[in-house]
mmCIF file of all heavy atoms, coordinates in Angstrom:
data_MODEL
# 
_entry.id   MODEL 
# 
loop_
_atom_site.group_PDB 
_atom_site.id 
_atom_site.type_symbol 
_atom_site.label_atom_id 
_atom_site.label_alt_id 
_atom_site.label_comp_id 
_atom_site.label_asym_id 
_atom_site.label_entity_id 
_atom_site.label_seq_id 
_atom_site.pdbx_PDB_ins_code 
_atom_site.Cartn_x 
_atom_site.Cartn_y 
_atom_site.Cartn_z 
_atom_site.occupancy 
_atom_site.B_iso_or_equiv 
_atom_site.pdbx_formal_charge 
_atom_site.auth_seq_id 
_atom_site.auth_comp_id 
_atom_site.auth_asym_id 
_atom_site.auth_atom_id 
_atom_site.pdbx_PDB_model_num 
ATOM 1   N N   . ILE A 1 1  ? 7.258  11.390 1.232   1.00 0.00 ? 1  ILE A N   1 
ATOM 2   C CA  . ILE A 1 1  ? 5.959  12.109 1.436   1.00 0.00 ? 1  ILE A CA  1 
ATOM 3   C C   . ILE A 1 1  ? 5.711  12.397 2.886   1.00 0.00 ? 1  ILE A C   1 
ATOM 4   O O   . ILE A 1 1  ? 4.587  12.947 3.199   1.00 0.00 ? 1  ILE A O   1 
ATOM 5   C CB  . ILE A 1 1  ? 4.842  11.225 0.934   1.00 0.00 ? 1  ILE A CB  1 
ATOM 6   C CG1 . ILE A 1 1  ? 4.506  9.962  1.745   1.00 0.00 ? 1  ILE A CG1 1 
ATOM 7   C CG2 . ILE A 1 1  ? 5.180  10.742 -0.536  1.00 0.00 ? 1  ILE A CG2 1 
ATOM 8   C CD1 . ILE A 1 1  ? 3.221  9.366  1.383   1.00 0.00 ? 1  ILE A CD1 1 
ATOM 9   N N   . GLY A 1 2  ? 6.618  12.226 3.829   1.00 0.00 ? 2  GLY A N   1 
ATOM 10  C CA  . GLY A 1 2  ? 6.388  12.534 5.241   1.00 0.00 ? 2  GLY A CA  1 
ATOM 11  C C   . GLY A 1 2  ? 6.550  14.054 5.546   1.00 0.00 ? 2  GLY A C   1 
ATOM 12  O O   . GLY A 1 2  ? 7.009  14.825 4.638   1.00 0.00 ? 2  GLY A O   1 
ATOM 13  N N   . GLY A 1 3  ? 6.296  14.425 6.647   1.00 0.00 ? 3  GLY A N   1 
ATOM 14  C CA  . GLY A 1 3  ? 6.620  15.850 7.108   1.00 0.00 ? 3  GLY A CA  1 
ATOM 15  C C   . GLY A 1 3  ? 5.387  16.756 7.088   1.00 0.00 ? 3  GLY A C   1 
ATOM 16  O O   . GLY A 1 3  ? 5.348  17.821 7.436   1.00 0.00 ? 3  GLY A O   1 
ATOM 17  N N   . TYR A 1 4  ? 4.230  16.297 6.615   1.00 0.00 ? 4  TYR A N   1 
ATOM 18  C CA  . TYR A 1 4  ? 3.045  17.095 6.422   1.00 0.00 ? 4  TYR A CA  1 
ATOM 19  C C   . TYR A 1 4  ? 2.287  17.025 7.639   1.00 0.00 ? 4  TYR A C   1 
ATOM 20  O O   . TYR A 1 4  ? 2.095  16.047 8.309   1.00 0.00 ? 4  TYR A O   1 
ATOM 21  C CB  . TYR A 1 4  ? 2.228  16.672 5.204   1.00 0.00 ? 4  TYR A CB  1 
ATOM 22  C CG  . TYR A 1 4  ? 2.866  17.032 3.912   1.00 0.00 ? 4  TYR A CG  1 
ATOM 23  C CD1 . TYR A 1 4  ? 3.797  16.045 3.367   1.00 0.00 ? 4  TYR A CD1 1 
ATOM 24  C CD2 . TYR A 1 4  ? 2.754  18.182 3.346   1.00 0.00 ? 4  TYR A CD2 1 
ATOM 25  C CE1 . TYR A 1 4  ? 4.403  16.351 2.247   1.00 0.00 ? 4  TYR A CE1 1 
ATOM 26  C CE2 . TYR A 1 4  ? 3.376  18.547 2.154   1.00 0.00 ? 4  TYR A CE2 1 
ATOM 27  C CZ  . TYR A 1 4  ? 4.259  17.548 1.585   1.00 0.00 ? 4  TYR A CZ  1 
ATOM 28  O OH  . TYR A 1 4  ? 4.949  17.849 0.382   1.00 0.00 ? 4  TYR A OH  1 
ATOM 29  N N   . PRO A 1 5  ? 1.729  18.210 8.131   1.00 0.00 ? 5  PRO A N   1 
ATOM 30  C CA  . PRO A 1 5  ? 0.975  18.415 9.342   1.00 0.00 ? 5  PRO A CA  1 
ATOM 31  C C   . PRO A 1 5  ? -0.281 17.603 9.262   1.00 0.00 ? 5  PRO A C   1 
ATOM 32  O O   . PRO A 1 5  ? -1.039 17.532 8.302   1.00 0.00 ? 5  PRO A O   1 
ATOM 33  C CB  . PRO A 1 5  ? 0.781  19.905 9.493   1.00 0.00 ? 5  PRO A CB  1 
ATOM 34  C CG  . PRO A 1 5  ? 0.903  20.389 8.167   1.00 0.00 ? 5  PRO A CG  1 
ATOM 35  C CD  . PRO A 1 5  ? 1.847  19.592 7.403   1.00 0.00 ? 5  PRO A CD  1 
ATOM 36  N N   . ILE A 1 6  ? -0.762 17.148 10.479  1.00 0.00 ? 6  ILE A N   1 
ATOM 37  C CA  . ILE A 1 6  ? -2.082 16.358 10.733  1.00 0.00 ? 6  ILE A CA  1 
ATOM 38  C C   . ILE A 1 6  ? -3.066 17.584 11.063  1.00 0.00 ? 6  ILE A C   1 
ATOM 39  O O   . ILE A 1 6  ? -2.916 18.148 12.005  1.00 0.00 ? 6  ILE A O   1 
ATOM 40  C CB  . ILE A 1 6  ? -2.081 15.320 11.702  1.00 0.00 ? 6  ILE A CB  1 
ATOM 41  C CG1 . ILE A 1 6  ? -0.881 14.378 11.431  1.00 0.00 ? 6  ILE A CG1 1 
ATOM 42  C CG2 . ILE A 1 6  ? -3.397 14.690 11.780  1.00 0.00 ? 6  ILE A CG2 1 
ATOM 43  C CD1 . ILE A 1 6  ? -0.945 13.765 10.065  1.00 0.00 ? 6  ILE A CD1 1 
ATOM 44  N N   . ALA A 1 7  ? -4.088 17.750 10.251  1.00 0.00 ? 7  ALA A N   1 
ATOM 45  C CA  . ALA A 1 7  ? -4.960 18.879 10.327  1.00 0.00 ? 7  ALA A CA  1 
ATOM 46  C C   . ALA A 1 7  ? -5.699 18.907 11.806  1.00 0.00 ? 7  ALA A C   1 
ATOM 47  O O   . ALA A 1 7  ? -5.828 19.904 12.398  1.00 0.00 ? 7  ALA A O   1 
ATOM 48  C CB  . ALA A 1 7  ? -6.097 18.879 9.191   1.00 0.00 ? 7  ALA A CB  1 
ATOM 49  N N   . SER A 1 8  ? -6.050 17.727 12.227  1.00 0.00 ? 8  SER A N   1 
ATOM 50  C CA  . SER A 1 8  ? -6.856 17.770 13.517  1.00 0.00 ? 8  SER A CA  1 
ATOM 51  C C   . SER A 1 8  ? -5.990 17.480 14.735  1.00 0.00 ? 8  SER A C   1 
ATOM 52  O O   . SER A 1 8  ? -6.476 17.383 15.784  1.00 0.00 ? 8  SER A O   1 
ATOM 53  C CB  . SER A 1 8  ? -7.969 16.635 13.274  1.00 0.00 ? 8  SER A CB  1 
ATOM 54  O OG  . SER A 1 8  ? -7.333 15.325 13.310  1.00 0.00 ? 8  SER A OG  1 
ATOM 55  N N   . LEU A 1 9  ? -4.692 17.322 14.546  1.00 0.00 ? 9  LEU A N   1 
ATOM 56  C CA  . LEU A 1 9  ? -3.831 17.025 15.647  1.00 0.00 ? 9  LEU A CA  1 
ATOM 57  C C   . LEU A 1 9  ? -2.640 18.143 15.710  1.00 0.00 ? 9  LEU A C   1 
ATOM 58  O O   . LEU A 1 9  ? -1.555 17.799 15.114  1.00 0.00 ? 9  LEU A O   1 
ATOM 59  C CB  . LEU A 1 9  ? -3.290 15.598 15.574  1.00 0.00 ? 9  LEU A CB  1 
ATOM 60  C CG  . LEU A 1 9  ? -4.310 14.458 15.674  1.00 0.00 ? 9  LEU A CG  1 
ATOM 61  C CD1 . LEU A 1 9  ? -3.671 13.083 15.452  1.00 0.00 ? 9  LEU A CD1 1 
ATOM 62  C CD2 . LEU A 1 9  ? -4.922 14.448 17.103  1.00 0.00 ? 9  LEU A CD2 1 
ATOM 63  N N   . PRO A 1 10 ? -2.820 19.213 16.171  1.00 0.00 ? 10 PRO A N   1 
ATOM 64  C CA  . PRO A 1 10 ? -1.705 20.281 16.125  1.00 0.00 ? 10 PRO A CA  1 
ATOM 65  C C   . PRO A 1 10 ? -0.494 19.672 16.760  1.00 0.00 ? 10 PRO A C   1 
ATOM 66  O O   . PRO A 1 10 ? -0.574 18.908 17.817  1.00 0.00 ? 10 PRO A O   1 
ATOM 67  C CB  . PRO A 1 10 ? -2.204 21.361 17.077  1.00 0.00 ? 10 PRO A CB  1 
ATOM 68  C CG  . PRO A 1 10 ? -3.828 21.229 16.943  1.00 0.00 ? 10 PRO A CG  1 
ATOM 69  C CD  . PRO A 1 10 ? -4.078 19.685 16.838  1.00 0.00 ? 10 PRO A CD  1 
ATOM 70  N N   . GLY A 1 11 ? 0.703  19.869 16.156  1.00 0.00 ? 11 GLY A N   1 
ATOM 71  C CA  . GLY A 1 11 ? 1.890  19.382 16.762  1.00 0.00 ? 11 GLY A CA  1 
ATOM 72  C C   . GLY A 1 11 ? 2.226  18.016 16.358  1.00 0.00 ? 11 GLY A C   1 
ATOM 73  O O   . GLY A 1 11 ? 3.290  17.432 16.738  1.00 0.00 ? 11 GLY A O   1 
ATOM 74  N N   . LYS A 1 12 ? 1.408  17.466 15.410  1.00 0.00 ? 12 LYS A N   1 
ATOM 75  C CA  . LYS A 1 12 ? 1.728  16.061 14.853  1.00 0.00 ? 12 LYS A CA  1 
ATOM 76  C C   . LYS A 1 12 ? 1.888  16.213 13.365  1.00 0.00 ? 12 LYS A C   1 
ATOM 77  O O   . LYS A 1 12 ? 1.369  17.184 12.680  1.00 0.00 ? 12 LYS A O   1 
ATOM 78  C CB  . LYS A 1 12 ? 0.565  15.207 15.185  1.00 0.00 ? 12 LYS A CB  1 
ATOM 79  C CG  . LYS A 1 12 ? 0.279  14.895 16.648  1.00 0.00 ? 12 LYS A CG  1 
ATOM 80  C CD  . LYS A 1 12 ? 1.324  14.031 17.208  1.00 0.00 ? 12 LYS A CD  1 
ATOM 81  C CE  . LYS A 1 12 ? 1.026  13.795 18.678  1.00 0.00 ? 12 LYS A CE  1 
ATOM 82  N NZ  . LYS A 1 12 ? 2.101  12.996 19.378  1.00 0.00 ? 12 LYS A NZ  1 
ATOM 83  N N   . MET A 1 13 ? 2.588  15.178 12.726  1.00 0.00 ? 13 MET A N   1 
ATOM 84  C CA  . MET A 1 13 ? 2.924  15.280 11.322  1.00 0.00 ? 13 MET A CA  1 
ATOM 85  C C   . MET A 1 13 ? 3.053  13.724 10.960  1.00 0.00 ? 13 MET A C   1 
ATOM 86  O O   . MET A 1 13 ? 3.153  12.858 11.700  1.00 0.00 ? 13 MET A O   1 
ATOM 87  C CB  . MET A 1 13 ? 4.227  16.004 10.954  1.00 0.00 ? 13 MET A CB  1 
ATOM 88  C CG  . MET A 1 13 ? 5.479  15.455 11.410  1.00 0.00 ? 13 MET A CG  1 
ATOM 89  S SD  . MET A 1 13 ? 7.014  16.232 10.895  1.00 0.00 ? 13 MET A SD  1 
ATOM 90  C CE  . MET A 1 13 ? 8.195  15.045 11.193  1.00 0.00 ? 13 MET A CE  1 
ATOM 91  N N   . VAL A 1 14 ? 3.074  13.552 9.517   1.00 0.00 ? 14 VAL A N   1 
ATOM 92  C CA  . VAL A 1 14 ? 3.327  12.256 8.920   1.00 0.00 ? 14 VAL A CA  1 
ATOM 93  C C   . VAL A 1 14 ? 4.829  11.967 9.159   1.00 0.00 ? 14 VAL A C   1 
ATOM 94  O O   . VAL A 1 14 ? 5.691  12.842 8.830   1.00 0.00 ? 14 VAL A O   1 
ATOM 95  C CB  . VAL A 1 14 ? 2.952  12.202 7.435   1.00 0.00 ? 14 VAL A CB  1 
ATOM 96  C CG1 . VAL A 1 14 ? 3.216  10.939 6.875   1.00 0.00 ? 14 VAL A CG1 1 
ATOM 97  C CG2 . VAL A 1 14 ? 1.503  12.711 7.339   1.00 0.00 ? 14 VAL A CG2 1 
ATOM 98  N N   . ARG A 1 15 ? 5.043  10.710 9.622   1.00 0.00 ? 15 ARG A N   1 
ATOM 99  C CA  . ARG A 1 15 ? 6.384  10.300 9.832   1.00 0.00 ? 15 ARG A CA  1 
ATOM 100 C C   . ARG A 1 15 ? 7.331  10.333 8.551   1.00 0.00 ? 15 ARG A C   1 
ATOM 101 O O   . ARG A 1 15 ? 6.859  9.824  7.564   1.00 0.00 ? 15 ARG A O   1 
ATOM 102 C CB  . ARG A 1 15 ? 6.293  8.845  10.463  1.00 0.00 ? 15 ARG A CB  1 
ATOM 103 C CG  . ARG A 1 15 ? 7.609  8.251  10.782  1.00 0.00 ? 15 ARG A CG  1 
ATOM 104 C CD  . ARG A 1 15 ? 7.333  6.894  11.343  1.00 0.00 ? 15 ARG A CD  1 
ATOM 105 N NE  . ARG A 1 15 ? 8.529  6.120  11.607  1.00 0.00 ? 15 ARG A NE  1 
ATOM 106 C CZ  . ARG A 1 15 ? 8.585  4.717  11.909  1.00 0.00 ? 15 ARG A CZ  1 
ATOM 107 N NH1 . ARG A 1 15 ? 7.354  4.155  11.971  1.00 0.00 ? 15 ARG A NH1 1 
ATOM 108 N NH2 . ARG A 1 15 ? 9.723  4.136  12.128  1.00 0.00 ? 15 ARG A NH2 1 
ATOM 109 N N   . GLN A 1 16 ? 8.383  10.778 8.696   1.00 0.00 ? 16 GLN A N   1 
ATOM 110 C CA  . GLN A 1 16 ? 9.342  10.768 7.548   1.00 0.00 ? 16 GLN A CA  1 
ATOM 111 C C   . GLN A 1 16 ? 10.268 9.504  7.444   1.00 0.00 ? 16 GLN A C   1 
ATOM 112 O O   . GLN A 1 16 ? 10.227 8.865  8.419   1.00 0.00 ? 16 GLN A O   1 
ATOM 113 C CB  . GLN A 1 16 ? 10.243 12.012 7.614   1.00 0.00 ? 16 GLN A CB  1 
ATOM 114 C CG  . GLN A 1 16 ? 9.500  13.355 7.504   1.00 0.00 ? 16 GLN A CG  1 
ATOM 115 C CD  . GLN A 1 16 ? 10.515 14.519 7.552   1.00 0.00 ? 16 GLN A CD  1 
ATOM 116 O OE1 . GLN A 1 16 ? 10.991 14.796 8.790   1.00 0.00 ? 16 GLN A OE1 1 
ATOM 117 N NE2 . GLN A 1 16 ? 10.639 15.229 6.549   1.00 0.00 ? 16 GLN A NE2 1 
ATOM 118 N N   . GLY A 1 17 ? 10.735 9.290  6.359   1.00 0.00 ? 17 GLY A N   1 
ATOM 119 C CA  . GLY A 1 17 ? 11.632 8.107  6.094   1.00 0.00 ? 17 GLY A CA  1 
ATOM 120 C C   . GLY A 1 17 ? 11.011 6.809  6.047   1.00 0.00 ? 17 GLY A C   1 
ATOM 121 O O   . GLY A 1 17 ? 11.640 5.764  6.217   1.00 0.00 ? 17 GLY A O   1 
ATOM 122 N N   . ILE A 1 18 ? 9.751  6.755  5.730   1.00 0.00 ? 18 ILE A N   1 
ATOM 123 C CA  . ILE A 1 18 ? 8.915  5.470  5.684   1.00 0.00 ? 18 ILE A CA  1 
ATOM 124 C C   . ILE A 1 18 ? 8.491  5.343  4.305   1.00 0.00 ? 18 ILE A C   1 
ATOM 125 O O   . ILE A 1 18 ? 8.580  4.287  3.621   1.00 0.00 ? 18 ILE A O   1 
ATOM 126 C CB  . ILE A 1 18 ? 7.835  5.503  6.715   1.00 0.00 ? 18 ILE A CB  1 
ATOM 127 C CG1 . ILE A 1 18 ? 8.289  5.498  8.123   1.00 0.00 ? 18 ILE A CG1 1 
ATOM 128 C CG2 . ILE A 1 18 ? 7.025  4.210  6.420   1.00 0.00 ? 18 ILE A CG2 1 
ATOM 129 C CD1 . ILE A 1 18 ? 9.224  4.242  8.387   1.00 0.00 ? 18 ILE A CD1 1 
ATOM 130 N N   . VAL A 1 19 ? 7.758  6.377  3.634   1.00 0.00 ? 19 VAL A N   1 
ATOM 131 C CA  . VAL A 1 19 ? 7.127  6.200  2.336   1.00 0.00 ? 19 VAL A CA  1 
ATOM 132 C C   . VAL A 1 19 ? 7.905  7.143  1.419   1.00 0.00 ? 19 VAL A C   1 
ATOM 133 O O   . VAL A 1 19 ? 7.867  8.407  1.623   1.00 0.00 ? 19 VAL A O   1 
ATOM 134 C CB  . VAL A 1 19 ? 5.671  6.502  2.368   1.00 0.00 ? 19 VAL A CB  1 
ATOM 135 C CG1 . VAL A 1 19 ? 5.024  6.338  0.961   1.00 0.00 ? 19 VAL A CG1 1 
ATOM 136 C CG2 . VAL A 1 19 ? 4.926  5.624  3.374   1.00 0.00 ? 19 VAL A CG2 1 
ATOM 137 N N   . PHE A 1 20 ? 8.554  6.622  0.331   1.00 0.00 ? 20 PHE A N   1 
ATOM 138 C CA  . PHE A 1 20 ? 9.198  7.343  -0.602  1.00 0.00 ? 20 PHE A CA  1 
ATOM 139 C C   . PHE A 1 20 ? 8.426  6.984  -1.969  1.00 0.00 ? 20 PHE A C   1 
ATOM 140 O O   . PHE A 1 20 ? 7.842  5.919  -2.184  1.00 0.00 ? 20 PHE A O   1 
ATOM 141 C CB  . PHE A 1 20 ? 10.607 6.852  -0.767  1.00 0.00 ? 20 PHE A CB  1 
ATOM 142 C CG  . PHE A 1 20 ? 11.411 7.173  0.458   1.00 0.00 ? 20 PHE A CG  1 
ATOM 143 C CD1 . PHE A 1 20 ? 11.606 6.230  1.475   1.00 0.00 ? 20 PHE A CD1 1 
ATOM 144 C CD2 . PHE A 1 20 ? 12.063 8.476  0.557   1.00 0.00 ? 20 PHE A CD2 1 
ATOM 145 C CE1 . PHE A 1 20 ? 12.268 6.615  2.652   1.00 0.00 ? 20 PHE A CE1 1 
ATOM 146 C CE2 . PHE A 1 20 ? 12.916 8.719  1.704   1.00 0.00 ? 20 PHE A CE2 1 
ATOM 147 C CZ  . PHE A 1 20 ? 13.001 7.859  2.710   1.00 0.00 ? 20 PHE A CZ  1 
ATOM 148 N N   . ARG A 1 21 ? 8.493  8.084  -2.902  1.00 0.00 ? 21 ARG A N   1 
ATOM 149 C CA  . ARG A 1 21 ? 7.961  7.858  -4.165  1.00 0.00 ? 21 ARG A CA  1 
ATOM 150 C C   . ARG A 1 21 ? 8.906  8.281  -5.273  1.00 0.00 ? 21 ARG A C   1 
ATOM 151 O O   . ARG A 1 21 ? 9.831  9.108  -4.925  1.00 0.00 ? 21 ARG A O   1 
ATOM 152 C CB  . ARG A 1 21 ? 6.549  8.566  -4.311  1.00 0.00 ? 21 ARG A CB  1 
ATOM 153 C CG  . ARG A 1 21 ? 6.737  10.111 -4.092  1.00 0.00 ? 21 ARG A CG  1 
ATOM 154 C CD  . ARG A 1 21 ? 5.411  10.842 -4.175  1.00 0.00 ? 21 ARG A CD  1 
ATOM 155 N NE  . ARG A 1 21 ? 4.912  10.838 -5.510  1.00 0.00 ? 21 ARG A NE  1 
ATOM 156 C CZ  . ARG A 1 21 ? 3.720  11.456 -5.729  1.00 0.00 ? 21 ARG A CZ  1 
ATOM 157 N NH1 . ARG A 1 21 ? 2.950  11.967 -4.864  1.00 0.00 ? 21 ARG A NH1 1 
ATOM 158 N NH2 . ARG A 1 21 ? 3.261  11.380 -6.974  1.00 0.00 ? 21 ARG A NH2 1 
ATOM 159 N N   . SER A 1 22 ? 8.788  7.882  -6.424  1.00 0.00 ? 22 SER A N   1 
ATOM 160 C CA  . SER A 1 22 ? 9.649  8.290  -7.474  1.00 0.00 ? 22 SER A CA  1 
ATOM 161 C C   . SER A 1 22 ? 9.179  7.839  -8.787  1.00 0.00 ? 22 SER A C   1 
ATOM 162 O O   . SER A 1 22 ? 8.163  7.120  -8.999  1.00 0.00 ? 22 SER A O   1 
ATOM 163 C CB  . SER A 1 22 ? 11.060 7.592  -7.356  1.00 0.00 ? 22 SER A CB  1 
ATOM 164 O OG  . SER A 1 22 ? 11.012 6.201  -7.629  1.00 0.00 ? 22 SER A OG  1 
ATOM 165 N N   . ALA A 1 23 ? 9.884  8.258  -9.915  1.00 0.00 ? 23 ALA A N   1 
ATOM 166 C CA  . ALA A 1 23 ? 9.731  7.706  -11.266 1.00 0.00 ? 23 ALA A CA  1 
ATOM 167 C C   . ALA A 1 23 ? 10.431 6.313  -11.321 1.00 0.00 ? 23 ALA A C   1 
ATOM 168 O O   . ALA A 1 23 ? 11.030 5.949  -10.281 1.00 0.00 ? 23 ALA A O   1 
ATOM 169 C CB  . ALA A 1 23 ? 10.337 8.696  -12.232 1.00 0.00 ? 23 ALA A CB  1 
ATOM 170 N N   . GLU A 1 24 ? 10.212 5.610  -12.326 1.00 0.00 ? 24 GLU A N   1 
ATOM 171 C CA  . GLU A 1 24 ? 10.771 4.276  -12.435 1.00 0.00 ? 24 GLU A CA  1 
ATOM 172 C C   . GLU A 1 24 ? 12.209 4.277  -12.311 1.00 0.00 ? 24 GLU A C   1 
ATOM 173 O O   . GLU A 1 24 ? 12.828 5.108  -12.960 1.00 0.00 ? 24 GLU A O   1 
ATOM 174 C CB  . GLU A 1 24 ? 10.297 3.483  -13.676 1.00 0.00 ? 24 GLU A CB  1 
ATOM 175 C CG  . GLU A 1 24 ? 10.718 4.104  -14.978 1.00 0.00 ? 24 GLU A CG  1 
ATOM 176 C CD  . GLU A 1 24 ? 12.013 3.427  -15.418 1.00 0.00 ? 24 GLU A CD  1 
ATOM 177 O OE1 . GLU A 1 24 ? 12.541 2.500  -14.861 1.00 0.00 ? 24 GLU A OE1 1 
ATOM 178 O OE2 . GLU A 1 24 ? 12.680 3.996  -16.379 1.00 0.00 ? 24 GLU A OE2 1 
ATOM 179 N N   . PRO A 1 25 ? 12.805 3.452  -11.571 1.00 0.00 ? 25 PRO A N   1 
ATOM 180 C CA  . PRO A 1 25 ? 14.279 3.548  -11.238 1.00 0.00 ? 25 PRO A CA  1 
ATOM 181 C C   . PRO A 1 25 ? 15.213 2.512  -11.995 1.00 0.00 ? 25 PRO A C   1 
ATOM 182 O O   . PRO A 1 25 ? 16.318 2.266  -11.406 1.00 0.00 ? 25 PRO A O   1 
ATOM 183 C CB  . PRO A 1 25 ? 14.309 3.080  -9.741  1.00 0.00 ? 25 PRO A CB  1 
ATOM 184 C CG  . PRO A 1 25 ? 13.202 1.971  -9.596  1.00 0.00 ? 25 PRO A CG  1 
ATOM 185 C CD  . PRO A 1 25 ? 12.052 2.430  -10.634 1.00 0.00 ? 25 PRO A CD  1 
ATOM 186 N N   . SER A 1 26 ? 14.779 2.218  -13.226 1.00 0.00 ? 26 SER A N   1 
ATOM 187 C CA  . SER A 1 26 ? 15.667 1.203  -13.922 1.00 0.00 ? 26 SER A CA  1 
ATOM 188 C C   . SER A 1 26 ? 17.008 1.790  -14.177 1.00 0.00 ? 26 SER A C   1 
ATOM 189 O O   . SER A 1 26 ? 17.827 0.814  -14.370 1.00 0.00 ? 26 SER A O   1 
ATOM 190 C CB  . SER A 1 26 ? 14.882 0.697  -15.142 1.00 0.00 ? 26 SER A CB  1 
ATOM 191 O OG  . SER A 1 26 ? 14.729 1.820  -16.001 1.00 0.00 ? 26 SER A OG  1 
ATOM 192 N N   . LYS A 1 27 ? 17.218 2.947  -14.333 1.00 0.00 ? 27 LYS A N   1 
ATOM 193 C CA  . LYS A 1 27 ? 18.489 3.596  -14.657 1.00 0.00 ? 27 LYS A CA  1 
ATOM 194 C C   . LYS A 1 27 ? 19.426 3.776  -13.383 1.00 0.00 ? 27 LYS A C   1 
ATOM 195 O O   . LYS A 1 27 ? 20.483 4.281  -13.459 1.00 0.00 ? 27 LYS A O   1 
ATOM 196 C CB  . LYS A 1 27 ? 18.399 4.926  -15.397 1.00 0.00 ? 27 LYS A CB  1 
ATOM 197 C CG  . LYS A 1 27 ? 17.812 4.623  -16.782 1.00 0.00 ? 27 LYS A CG  1 
ATOM 198 C CD  . LYS A 1 27 ? 17.662 5.987  -17.505 1.00 0.00 ? 27 LYS A CD  1 
ATOM 199 C CE  . LYS A 1 27 ? 17.155 5.824  -18.945 1.00 0.00 ? 27 LYS A CE  1 
ATOM 200 N NZ  . LYS A 1 27 ? 15.869 5.250  -18.945 1.00 0.00 ? 27 LYS A NZ  1 
ATOM 201 N N   . ALA A 1 28 ? 18.964 3.335  -12.227 1.00 0.00 ? 28 ALA A N   1 
ATOM 202 C CA  . ALA A 1 28 ? 19.664 3.439  -11.043 1.00 0.00 ? 28 ALA A CA  1 
ATOM 203 C C   . ALA A 1 28 ? 20.942 2.566  -11.062 1.00 0.00 ? 28 ALA A C   1 
ATOM 204 O O   . ALA A 1 28 ? 20.818 1.329  -11.329 1.00 0.00 ? 28 ALA A O   1 
ATOM 205 C CB  . ALA A 1 28 ? 18.884 3.056  -9.806  1.00 0.00 ? 28 ALA A CB  1 
# 
């Protein structure tokens, strides 16, 4: 979910590689 720009801070974004989301992973 990272990579999105911060509206009030030009040149800044949400850090990548920290928060991941998915469907349930029982078949992994």
